[in-house]
């Protein structure tokens, strides 16, 4: 059933089952197992891939901008678009550095304390893996942590085990990689 606190539960302004909207093609999303924040990898149309963030406890009804925006850039119209009320991504990847973002998870395992709290995501076309963290002032920082592998085939998803360890799946080879910190 539709929870009574859904922003459109009364059918006004949207379908009752909708919580948030304005995503183009969310390709994998993950909740931080510690904070319950939600990260969404949203595949772009022409030029920009994006990561969206929804803090735990945020009321629904947020508009993430598609098709007015692609990433943090005007899409329709291509300039001077009205961004009023839109939630912009916390980070983005421009083509050709990426072409189809694959959302991941926040690392909460115990084996690699140096990466605790970092959100990891990748791109299907390049195989590059990035980490998203906060600097001391609270601003988002995106860091490339694994460059595009020479023998890359096609990362398609992330996995998280019960201990909080993260894994990346390769669609073409069938290999599952365990994400670790540098030695």
N, C-alpha and C. Protein backbone atom coordinates (compact mmCIF):
# COMPACT_ATOMS: atom_id res chain seq x y z
N UNK A 1 0.84 -1.18 0.00
CA UNK A 1 0.00 0.00 0.00
C UNK A 1 0.88 1.24 0.00
N UNK A 2 0.28 2.35 -0.30
CA UNK A 2 1.00 3.63 -0.33
C UNK A 2 1.08 4.18 1.10
N UNK A 3 2.30 4.42 1.60
CA UNK A 3 2.42 5.00 2.94
C UNK A 3 1.76 6.38 2.98
N UNK A 4 1.07 6.70 4.06
CA UNK A 4 0.38 7.98 4.13
C UNK A 4 1.29 9.20 4.11
N UNK A 5 2.61 9.01 4.41
CA UNK A 5 3.52 10.15 4.40
C UNK A 5 4.19 10.35 3.04
N UNK A 6 3.85 9.54 2.02
CA UNK A 6 4.39 9.81 0.68
C UNK A 6 3.95 11.21 0.26
N UNK A 7 4.82 11.97 -0.42
CA UNK A 7 4.50 13.36 -0.75
C UNK A 7 3.29 13.51 -1.67
N UNK A 8 2.97 12.49 -2.44
CA UNK A 8 1.84 12.57 -3.37
C UNK A 8 0.76 11.55 -3.00
N UNK A 9 0.72 11.13 -1.75
CA UNK A 9 -0.21 10.09 -1.31
C UNK A 9 -1.66 10.44 -1.61
N UNK A 10 -1.96 11.73 -1.63
CA UNK A 10 -3.33 12.14 -1.91
C UNK A 10 -3.61 12.24 -3.41
N UNK A 11 -2.61 11.92 -4.25
CA UNK A 11 -2.79 11.97 -5.70
C UNK A 11 -2.63 13.35 -6.31
N UNK A 12 -2.33 14.35 -5.50
CA UNK A 12 -2.13 15.72 -5.99
C UNK A 12 -0.67 15.93 -6.36
N UNK A 13 -0.39 16.31 -7.60
CA UNK A 13 0.96 16.64 -8.05
C UNK A 13 1.77 15.45 -8.53
N UNK A 14 1.28 14.25 -8.40
CA UNK A 14 2.00 13.08 -8.85
C UNK A 14 1.29 11.81 -8.42
N UNK A 15 1.78 10.70 -8.93
CA UNK A 15 1.19 9.42 -8.55
C UNK A 15 1.49 9.14 -7.08
N UNK A 16 0.57 8.54 -6.36
CA UNK A 16 0.75 8.34 -4.92
C UNK A 16 1.99 7.54 -4.54
N UNK A 17 2.45 6.63 -5.41
CA UNK A 17 3.60 5.79 -5.05
C UNK A 17 4.95 6.48 -5.26
N UNK A 18 4.96 7.67 -5.85
CA UNK A 18 6.22 8.39 -6.11
C UNK A 18 6.70 9.08 -4.84
N UNK A 19 8.00 8.93 -4.57
CA UNK A 19 8.62 9.61 -3.43
C UNK A 19 9.40 10.83 -3.92
N UNK A 20 10.35 10.63 -4.85
CA UNK A 20 11.11 11.70 -5.48
C UNK A 20 11.06 11.47 -6.99
N UNK A 21 11.42 12.49 -7.78
CA UNK A 21 11.34 12.35 -9.24
C UNK A 21 12.43 13.20 -9.90
N UNK A 22 12.46 13.19 -11.23
CA UNK A 22 13.45 13.97 -11.96
C UNK A 22 14.75 13.22 -12.20
N UNK A 23 14.71 11.90 -12.13
CA UNK A 23 15.86 11.07 -12.50
C UNK A 23 15.69 10.66 -13.95
N UNK A 24 16.78 10.52 -14.70
CA UNK A 24 16.68 10.07 -16.07
C UNK A 24 16.69 8.54 -16.14
N UNK A 25 17.77 7.95 -15.61
CA UNK A 25 17.92 6.50 -15.66
C UNK A 25 18.79 6.06 -14.49
N UNK A 26 18.22 6.03 -13.27
CA UNK A 26 19.03 5.64 -12.12
C UNK A 26 19.56 4.22 -12.29
N UNK A 27 20.88 4.11 -12.34
CA UNK A 27 21.50 2.80 -12.53
C UNK A 27 22.30 2.46 -11.30
N UNK A 28 21.66 1.88 -10.37
CA UNK A 28 22.15 1.40 -9.09
C UNK A 28 22.11 2.54 -8.07
N UNK A 29 21.52 2.24 -6.97
CA UNK A 29 21.51 3.16 -5.85
C UNK A 29 21.80 2.35 -4.60
N UNK A 30 22.30 3.03 -3.59
CA UNK A 30 22.66 2.33 -2.38
C UNK A 30 22.49 3.19 -1.15
N UNK A 31 22.00 2.56 -0.09
CA UNK A 31 21.90 3.23 1.19
C UNK A 31 23.19 3.03 1.96
N UNK A 32 23.66 4.08 2.62
CA UNK A 32 24.79 3.97 3.54
C UNK A 32 24.27 3.20 4.76
N UNK A 33 24.87 2.06 5.04
CA UNK A 33 24.37 1.20 6.12
C UNK A 33 24.51 1.83 7.50
N UNK A 34 25.33 2.86 7.62
CA UNK A 34 25.52 3.52 8.92
C UNK A 34 24.62 4.74 9.09
N UNK A 35 24.57 5.60 8.06
CA UNK A 35 23.81 6.86 8.17
C UNK A 35 22.41 6.76 7.56
N UNK A 36 22.20 5.76 6.70
CA UNK A 36 20.95 5.55 5.96
C UNK A 36 20.72 6.60 4.88
N UNK A 37 21.76 7.39 4.54
CA UNK A 37 21.68 8.30 3.40
C UNK A 37 21.59 7.46 2.13
N UNK A 38 21.02 8.04 1.08
CA UNK A 38 20.86 7.35 -0.19
C UNK A 38 21.69 8.02 -1.27
N UNK A 39 22.45 7.22 -2.01
CA UNK A 39 23.23 7.68 -3.16
C UNK A 39 22.65 7.05 -4.42
N UNK A 40 22.50 7.85 -5.48
CA UNK A 40 21.91 7.38 -6.73
C UNK A 40 22.83 7.71 -7.88
N UNK A 41 23.26 6.69 -8.64
CA UNK A 41 23.98 6.91 -9.89
C UNK A 41 22.94 7.06 -10.99
N UNK A 42 22.91 8.22 -11.65
CA UNK A 42 21.88 8.49 -12.66
C UNK A 42 22.56 8.70 -14.01
N UNK A 43 22.27 7.80 -14.94
CA UNK A 43 22.86 7.83 -16.28
C UNK A 43 22.32 9.03 -17.04
N UNK A 44 23.22 9.79 -17.66
CA UNK A 44 22.84 10.97 -18.42
C UNK A 44 22.37 10.64 -19.83
N UNK A 45 22.07 11.68 -20.58
CA UNK A 45 21.58 11.53 -21.95
C UNK A 45 22.70 11.72 -22.96
N UNK A 46 23.33 12.89 -22.95
CA UNK A 46 24.31 13.23 -24.00
C UNK A 46 25.72 13.45 -23.49
N UNK A 47 25.86 14.15 -22.37
CA UNK A 47 27.19 14.63 -21.98
C UNK A 47 27.56 14.38 -20.53
N UNK A 48 26.58 14.29 -19.62
CA UNK A 48 26.88 14.26 -18.19
C UNK A 48 26.25 13.07 -17.48
N UNK A 49 27.06 12.39 -16.67
CA UNK A 49 26.62 11.35 -15.74
C UNK A 49 26.62 11.99 -14.35
N UNK A 50 25.75 11.53 -13.45
CA UNK A 50 25.68 12.21 -12.16
C UNK A 50 25.46 11.26 -10.99
N UNK A 51 25.86 11.75 -9.81
CA UNK A 51 25.55 11.09 -8.55
C UNK A 51 24.67 12.04 -7.76
N UNK A 52 23.52 11.54 -7.33
CA UNK A 52 22.60 12.32 -6.51
C UNK A 52 22.63 11.78 -5.08
N UNK A 53 22.31 12.64 -4.15
CA UNK A 53 22.39 12.32 -2.73
C UNK A 53 21.12 12.75 -2.04
N UNK A 54 20.58 11.86 -1.21
CA UNK A 54 19.40 12.18 -0.41
C UNK A 54 19.72 11.80 1.03
N UNK A 55 19.81 12.80 1.88
CA UNK A 55 20.13 12.56 3.29
C UNK A 55 18.99 11.81 3.97
N UNK A 56 19.34 10.92 4.86
CA UNK A 56 18.34 10.18 5.63
C UNK A 56 17.40 11.16 6.32
N UNK A 57 16.13 10.84 6.34
CA UNK A 57 15.15 11.68 7.00
C UNK A 57 14.62 12.82 6.16
N UNK A 58 15.14 12.98 4.93
CA UNK A 58 14.67 14.04 4.04
C UNK A 58 13.23 13.75 3.62
N UNK A 59 12.40 14.76 3.64
CA UNK A 59 11.01 14.59 3.19
C UNK A 59 11.04 14.39 1.67
N UNK A 60 10.12 13.61 1.17
CA UNK A 60 10.03 13.33 -0.25
C UNK A 60 9.49 14.49 -1.05
N UNK A 61 9.34 14.24 -2.36
CA UNK A 61 8.84 15.26 -3.27
C UNK A 61 9.93 16.05 -3.93
N UNK A 62 11.19 15.61 -3.80
CA UNK A 62 12.31 16.32 -4.41
C UNK A 62 12.33 16.09 -5.92
N UNK A 63 12.72 17.13 -6.66
CA UNK A 63 12.84 17.06 -8.11
C UNK A 63 14.32 17.15 -8.46
N UNK A 64 14.89 16.07 -9.02
CA UNK A 64 16.30 16.03 -9.36
C UNK A 64 16.60 16.55 -10.77
N UNK A 65 15.60 17.11 -11.42
CA UNK A 65 15.87 17.95 -12.58
C UNK A 65 15.70 17.42 -13.98
N UNK A 66 15.71 16.11 -14.18
CA UNK A 66 15.58 15.63 -15.55
C UNK A 66 14.16 15.94 -16.03
N UNK A 67 13.95 16.47 -17.16
CA UNK A 67 14.79 16.71 -18.30
C UNK A 67 15.15 18.18 -18.50
N UNK A 68 15.00 18.97 -17.44
CA UNK A 68 15.46 20.35 -17.50
C UNK A 68 16.99 20.37 -17.43
N UNK A 69 17.54 19.51 -16.60
CA UNK A 69 18.98 19.47 -16.36
C UNK A 69 19.55 18.11 -16.76
N UNK A 70 20.80 18.13 -17.19
CA UNK A 70 21.59 16.92 -17.33
C UNK A 70 22.82 17.18 -16.47
N UNK A 71 22.91 16.48 -15.35
CA UNK A 71 23.92 16.83 -14.37
C UNK A 71 23.55 18.19 -13.80
N UNK A 72 24.53 19.08 -13.68
CA UNK A 72 24.25 20.43 -13.19
C UNK A 72 24.19 21.44 -14.35
N UNK A 73 23.91 20.95 -15.56
CA UNK A 73 23.91 21.78 -16.77
C UNK A 73 22.52 21.78 -17.40
N UNK A 74 22.14 22.94 -17.92
CA UNK A 74 20.85 23.04 -18.61
C UNK A 74 20.81 22.07 -19.78
N UNK A 75 19.68 21.38 -19.92
CA UNK A 75 19.50 20.44 -21.01
C UNK A 75 18.37 20.90 -21.94
N UNK A 76 17.19 21.13 -21.38
CA UNK A 76 16.06 21.66 -22.15
C UNK A 76 15.45 22.81 -21.37
N UNK A 77 15.69 24.03 -21.78
CA UNK A 77 16.52 24.50 -22.88
C UNK A 77 18.01 24.36 -22.54
N UNK A 78 18.86 24.51 -23.53
CA UNK A 78 20.29 24.29 -23.34
C UNK A 78 20.99 25.42 -22.60
N UNK A 79 20.31 26.53 -22.38
CA UNK A 79 20.89 27.65 -21.63
C UNK A 79 19.77 28.38 -20.90
N UNK A 80 20.15 29.05 -19.81
CA UNK A 80 19.22 29.88 -19.06
C UNK A 80 17.96 29.13 -18.62
N UNK A 81 18.12 27.89 -18.19
CA UNK A 81 16.97 27.11 -17.73
C UNK A 81 16.61 27.52 -16.30
N UNK A 82 15.37 27.29 -15.94
CA UNK A 82 14.89 27.62 -14.60
C UNK A 82 15.22 26.46 -13.65
N UNK A 83 16.16 26.69 -12.74
CA UNK A 83 16.59 25.67 -11.80
C UNK A 83 15.86 25.77 -10.46
N UNK A 84 14.87 26.61 -10.37
CA UNK A 84 14.14 26.80 -9.12
C UNK A 84 13.57 25.48 -8.62
N UNK A 85 13.84 25.16 -7.38
CA UNK A 85 13.28 23.97 -6.75
C UNK A 85 13.94 22.66 -7.13
N UNK A 86 14.98 22.70 -7.97
CA UNK A 86 15.64 21.47 -8.39
C UNK A 86 16.79 21.12 -7.45
N UNK A 87 17.02 19.82 -7.27
CA UNK A 87 18.15 19.33 -6.48
C UNK A 87 19.23 18.91 -7.47
N UNK A 88 20.37 19.58 -7.42
CA UNK A 88 21.45 19.27 -8.35
C UNK A 88 22.33 18.15 -7.81
N UNK A 89 23.04 17.46 -8.70
CA UNK A 89 23.88 16.34 -8.25
C UNK A 89 25.03 16.81 -7.36
N UNK A 90 25.55 15.87 -6.57
CA UNK A 90 26.69 16.19 -5.72
C UNK A 90 28.00 16.05 -6.49
N UNK A 91 27.98 15.29 -7.58
CA UNK A 91 29.13 15.21 -8.47
C UNK A 91 28.66 14.73 -9.83
N UNK A 92 29.53 14.92 -10.82
CA UNK A 92 29.18 14.52 -12.18
C UNK A 92 30.43 14.12 -12.95
N UNK A 93 30.23 13.34 -14.00
CA UNK A 93 31.31 12.89 -14.88
C UNK A 93 30.94 13.31 -16.29
N UNK A 94 31.86 13.99 -16.96
CA UNK A 94 31.61 14.42 -18.34
C UNK A 94 32.08 13.36 -19.32
N UNK A 95 31.34 13.18 -20.39
CA UNK A 95 31.80 12.29 -21.47
C UNK A 95 33.02 12.94 -22.12
N UNK A 96 34.03 12.26 -22.52
CA UNK A 96 34.14 10.81 -22.64
C UNK A 96 34.76 10.13 -21.43
N UNK A 97 34.97 10.84 -20.32
CA UNK A 97 35.54 10.19 -19.12
C UNK A 97 34.60 9.09 -18.62
N UNK A 98 33.34 9.20 -18.96
CA UNK A 98 32.35 8.20 -18.62
C UNK A 98 31.22 8.25 -19.63
N UNK A 99 30.38 7.23 -19.62
CA UNK A 99 29.22 7.24 -20.53
C UNK A 99 28.00 6.59 -19.92
N UNK A 100 28.17 5.83 -18.85
CA UNK A 100 27.04 5.18 -18.19
C UNK A 100 27.43 4.88 -16.74
N UNK A 101 27.09 5.79 -15.86
CA UNK A 101 27.50 5.68 -14.46
C UNK A 101 26.87 4.45 -13.81
N UNK A 102 27.63 3.82 -12.95
CA UNK A 102 27.17 2.67 -12.17
C UNK A 102 27.29 3.07 -10.70
N UNK A 103 26.15 3.29 -10.05
CA UNK A 103 26.15 3.66 -8.64
C UNK A 103 26.65 2.52 -7.77
N UNK A 104 27.21 2.86 -6.65
CA UNK A 104 27.78 1.85 -5.76
C UNK A 104 27.31 1.99 -4.33
N UNK A 105 28.26 1.89 -3.42
CA UNK A 105 27.96 1.89 -1.99
C UNK A 105 29.00 2.69 -1.22
N UNK A 106 28.64 3.02 0.00
CA UNK A 106 29.57 3.60 0.96
C UNK A 106 30.27 2.45 1.66
N UNK A 107 31.60 2.52 1.74
CA UNK A 107 32.35 1.47 2.41
C UNK A 107 32.18 1.58 3.92
N UNK A 108 31.71 0.49 4.55
CA UNK A 108 31.54 0.43 6.00
C UNK A 108 32.14 -0.86 6.57
N UNK A 109 33.04 -1.47 5.81
CA UNK A 109 33.71 -2.66 6.30
C UNK A 109 34.71 -2.33 7.40
N UNK A 110 35.37 -3.35 7.91
CA UNK A 110 36.33 -3.13 9.00
C UNK A 110 37.77 -3.41 8.58
N UNK A 111 37.98 -3.96 7.39
CA UNK A 111 39.33 -4.31 6.96
C UNK A 111 40.16 -3.11 6.52
N UNK A 112 39.53 -2.05 6.01
CA UNK A 112 40.27 -0.95 5.38
C UNK A 112 39.77 0.38 5.94
N UNK A 113 40.29 0.76 7.09
CA UNK A 113 39.80 1.96 7.77
C UNK A 113 40.04 3.24 6.98
N UNK A 114 41.04 3.26 6.12
CA UNK A 114 41.34 4.48 5.35
C UNK A 114 40.24 4.84 4.37
N UNK A 115 39.40 3.89 3.99
CA UNK A 115 38.33 4.20 3.03
C UNK A 115 36.94 4.19 3.67
N UNK A 116 36.88 4.07 4.99
CA UNK A 116 35.60 4.07 5.68
C UNK A 116 34.85 5.38 5.39
N UNK A 117 33.60 5.26 5.01
CA UNK A 117 32.76 6.42 4.75
C UNK A 117 32.82 6.94 3.32
N UNK A 118 33.69 6.38 2.49
CA UNK A 118 33.78 6.81 1.09
C UNK A 118 32.72 6.09 0.26
N UNK A 119 32.06 6.83 -0.62
CA UNK A 119 31.10 6.26 -1.56
C UNK A 119 31.85 5.94 -2.86
N UNK A 120 31.73 4.72 -3.32
CA UNK A 120 32.42 4.28 -4.54
C UNK A 120 31.42 4.10 -5.68
N UNK A 121 31.84 4.54 -6.86
CA UNK A 121 31.03 4.36 -8.06
C UNK A 121 31.95 4.20 -9.26
N UNK A 122 31.42 3.72 -10.37
CA UNK A 122 32.23 3.47 -11.55
C UNK A 122 31.47 3.88 -12.80
N UNK A 123 32.05 3.58 -13.94
CA UNK A 123 31.44 3.86 -15.23
C UNK A 123 31.54 2.63 -16.11
N UNK A 124 30.45 2.26 -16.74
CA UNK A 124 30.42 1.06 -17.56
C UNK A 124 31.38 1.13 -18.75
N UNK A 125 31.52 2.29 -19.36
CA UNK A 125 32.34 2.40 -20.57
C UNK A 125 33.83 2.51 -20.29
N UNK A 126 34.20 3.22 -19.23
CA UNK A 126 35.63 3.44 -18.98
C UNK A 126 36.23 2.47 -17.97
N UNK A 127 35.43 2.02 -17.00
CA UNK A 127 35.97 1.17 -15.94
C UNK A 127 36.69 1.94 -14.85
N UNK A 128 36.72 3.26 -14.97
CA UNK A 128 37.31 4.07 -13.92
C UNK A 128 36.44 3.95 -12.67
N UNK A 129 37.09 3.90 -11.50
CA UNK A 129 36.37 3.87 -10.23
C UNK A 129 36.73 5.14 -9.47
N UNK A 130 35.71 5.81 -8.93
CA UNK A 130 35.88 7.03 -8.17
C UNK A 130 35.39 6.83 -6.75
N UNK A 131 35.93 7.63 -5.83
CA UNK A 131 35.44 7.69 -4.46
C UNK A 131 34.90 9.10 -4.23
N UNK A 132 33.84 9.19 -3.48
CA UNK A 132 33.24 10.47 -3.14
C UNK A 132 33.27 10.61 -1.62
N UNK A 133 33.89 11.68 -1.16
CA UNK A 133 34.05 11.93 0.27
C UNK A 133 33.75 13.41 0.54
N UNK A 134 33.92 13.82 1.78
CA UNK A 134 33.79 15.22 2.15
C UNK A 134 35.14 15.75 2.61
N UNK A 135 35.43 17.01 2.28
CA UNK A 135 36.63 17.64 2.82
C UNK A 135 36.30 18.16 4.22
N UNK A 136 37.30 18.71 4.95
CA UNK A 136 37.04 19.17 6.32
C UNK A 136 35.93 20.23 6.43
N UNK A 137 35.70 20.99 5.35
CA UNK A 137 34.65 22.01 5.36
C UNK A 137 33.28 21.43 4.99
N UNK A 138 33.24 20.14 4.64
CA UNK A 138 31.97 19.50 4.30
C UNK A 138 31.65 19.48 2.82
N UNK A 139 32.54 20.03 1.96
CA UNK A 139 32.29 20.01 0.51
C UNK A 139 32.57 18.61 -0.05
N UNK A 140 31.83 18.24 -1.08
CA UNK A 140 32.04 16.95 -1.73
C UNK A 140 33.35 16.96 -2.50
N UNK A 141 34.09 15.85 -2.41
CA UNK A 141 35.36 15.69 -3.13
C UNK A 141 35.30 14.37 -3.89
N UNK A 142 35.51 14.45 -5.19
CA UNK A 142 35.53 13.25 -6.04
C UNK A 142 36.98 12.94 -6.39
N UNK A 143 37.39 11.69 -6.16
CA UNK A 143 38.76 11.27 -6.42
C UNK A 143 38.76 10.00 -7.26
N UNK A 144 39.55 10.02 -8.33
CA UNK A 144 39.71 8.79 -9.11
C UNK A 144 40.59 7.85 -8.31
N UNK A 145 40.10 6.65 -8.01
CA UNK A 145 40.87 5.71 -7.20
C UNK A 145 41.39 4.53 -8.01
N UNK A 146 40.73 4.20 -9.11
CA UNK A 146 41.20 3.15 -10.01
C UNK A 146 41.04 3.66 -11.43
N UNK A 147 42.16 3.83 -12.15
CA UNK A 147 42.03 4.29 -13.54
C UNK A 147 41.43 3.19 -14.42
N UNK A 148 41.05 3.58 -15.60
CA UNK A 148 40.50 2.62 -16.55
C UNK A 148 41.50 1.50 -16.81
N UNK A 149 41.14 0.24 -16.49
CA UNK A 149 42.08 -0.86 -16.69
C UNK A 149 42.35 -1.14 -18.17
N UNK A 150 43.57 -1.56 -18.49
CA UNK A 150 43.94 -1.85 -19.88
C UNK A 150 43.10 -2.99 -20.44
N UNK A 151 42.74 -3.95 -19.62
CA UNK A 151 41.99 -5.11 -20.09
C UNK A 151 40.52 -5.03 -19.67
N UNK A 152 40.02 -3.83 -19.51
CA UNK A 152 38.67 -3.62 -19.01
C UNK A 152 37.61 -4.16 -19.95
N UNK A 153 36.56 -4.76 -19.37
CA UNK A 153 35.49 -5.34 -20.17
C UNK A 153 34.13 -4.70 -19.90
N UNK A 154 33.75 -4.46 -18.67
CA UNK A 154 32.44 -3.86 -18.44
C UNK A 154 31.91 -4.03 -17.03
N UNK A 155 32.30 -3.13 -16.10
CA UNK A 155 31.73 -3.19 -14.75
C UNK A 155 30.24 -2.88 -14.85
N UNK A 156 29.44 -3.68 -14.15
CA UNK A 156 28.00 -3.51 -14.27
C UNK A 156 27.29 -3.27 -12.94
N UNK A 157 27.93 -3.60 -11.83
CA UNK A 157 27.25 -3.42 -10.54
C UNK A 157 28.25 -3.53 -9.40
N UNK A 158 27.77 -3.15 -8.23
CA UNK A 158 28.51 -3.31 -6.98
C UNK A 158 27.74 -4.28 -6.10
N UNK A 159 28.44 -4.85 -5.16
CA UNK A 159 27.82 -5.68 -4.14
C UNK A 159 28.42 -5.33 -2.80
N UNK A 160 27.68 -5.65 -1.75
CA UNK A 160 28.13 -5.39 -0.39
C UNK A 160 27.81 -6.63 0.43
N UNK A 161 28.81 -7.15 1.16
CA UNK A 161 28.53 -8.33 1.98
C UNK A 161 28.10 -7.91 3.39
N UNK A 162 27.81 -8.89 4.22
CA UNK A 162 27.31 -8.61 5.56
C UNK A 162 28.33 -7.87 6.43
N UNK A 163 29.61 -7.99 6.09
CA UNK A 163 30.66 -7.31 6.85
C UNK A 163 30.93 -5.91 6.33
N UNK A 164 30.21 -5.47 5.28
CA UNK A 164 30.40 -4.13 4.72
C UNK A 164 31.49 -4.06 3.68
N UNK A 165 32.06 -5.20 3.29
CA UNK A 165 33.07 -5.21 2.23
C UNK A 165 32.38 -5.00 0.87
N UNK A 166 33.07 -4.32 -0.05
CA UNK A 166 32.48 -3.99 -1.34
C UNK A 166 33.10 -4.81 -2.47
N UNK A 167 32.29 -5.07 -3.47
CA UNK A 167 32.68 -5.87 -4.63
C UNK A 167 32.17 -5.19 -5.90
N UNK A 168 32.90 -5.39 -6.99
CA UNK A 168 32.50 -4.87 -8.30
C UNK A 168 32.38 -6.05 -9.25
N UNK A 169 31.28 -6.09 -9.99
CA UNK A 169 31.09 -7.18 -10.95
C UNK A 169 31.45 -6.72 -12.35
N UNK A 170 32.06 -7.62 -13.11
CA UNK A 170 32.43 -7.37 -14.50
C UNK A 170 31.51 -8.21 -15.38
N UNK A 171 30.63 -7.55 -16.09
CA UNK A 171 29.60 -8.22 -16.88
C UNK A 171 30.19 -9.12 -17.97
N UNK A 172 31.23 -8.66 -18.63
CA UNK A 172 31.78 -9.42 -19.76
C UNK A 172 32.57 -10.65 -19.34
N UNK A 173 33.38 -10.51 -18.29
CA UNK A 173 34.24 -11.62 -17.89
C UNK A 173 33.61 -12.51 -16.82
N UNK A 174 32.61 -11.98 -16.12
CA UNK A 174 32.00 -12.74 -15.03
C UNK A 174 32.81 -12.69 -13.74
N UNK A 175 33.86 -11.88 -13.70
CA UNK A 175 34.72 -11.78 -12.53
C UNK A 175 34.08 -10.84 -11.51
N UNK A 176 34.22 -11.18 -10.23
CA UNK A 176 33.81 -10.31 -9.14
C UNK A 176 35.08 -9.86 -8.42
N UNK A 177 35.28 -8.54 -8.34
CA UNK A 177 36.47 -7.98 -7.71
C UNK A 177 36.15 -7.49 -6.31
N UNK A 178 37.06 -7.71 -5.37
CA UNK A 178 36.93 -7.20 -4.00
C UNK A 178 37.63 -5.86 -3.97
N UNK A 179 36.91 -4.81 -3.55
CA UNK A 179 37.48 -3.48 -3.47
C UNK A 179 38.29 -3.37 -2.18
N UNK A 180 39.56 -2.97 -2.30
CA UNK A 180 40.45 -2.83 -1.15
C UNK A 180 41.15 -1.50 -1.22
N UNK A 181 41.81 -1.12 -0.12
CA UNK A 181 42.63 0.10 -0.17
C UNK A 181 44.01 -0.27 -0.68
N UNK A 182 44.76 0.76 -1.11
CA UNK A 182 46.12 0.50 -1.58
C UNK A 182 46.98 0.00 -0.43
N UNK A 183 47.90 -0.92 -0.73
CA UNK A 183 48.78 -1.43 0.33
C UNK A 183 49.73 -0.35 0.83
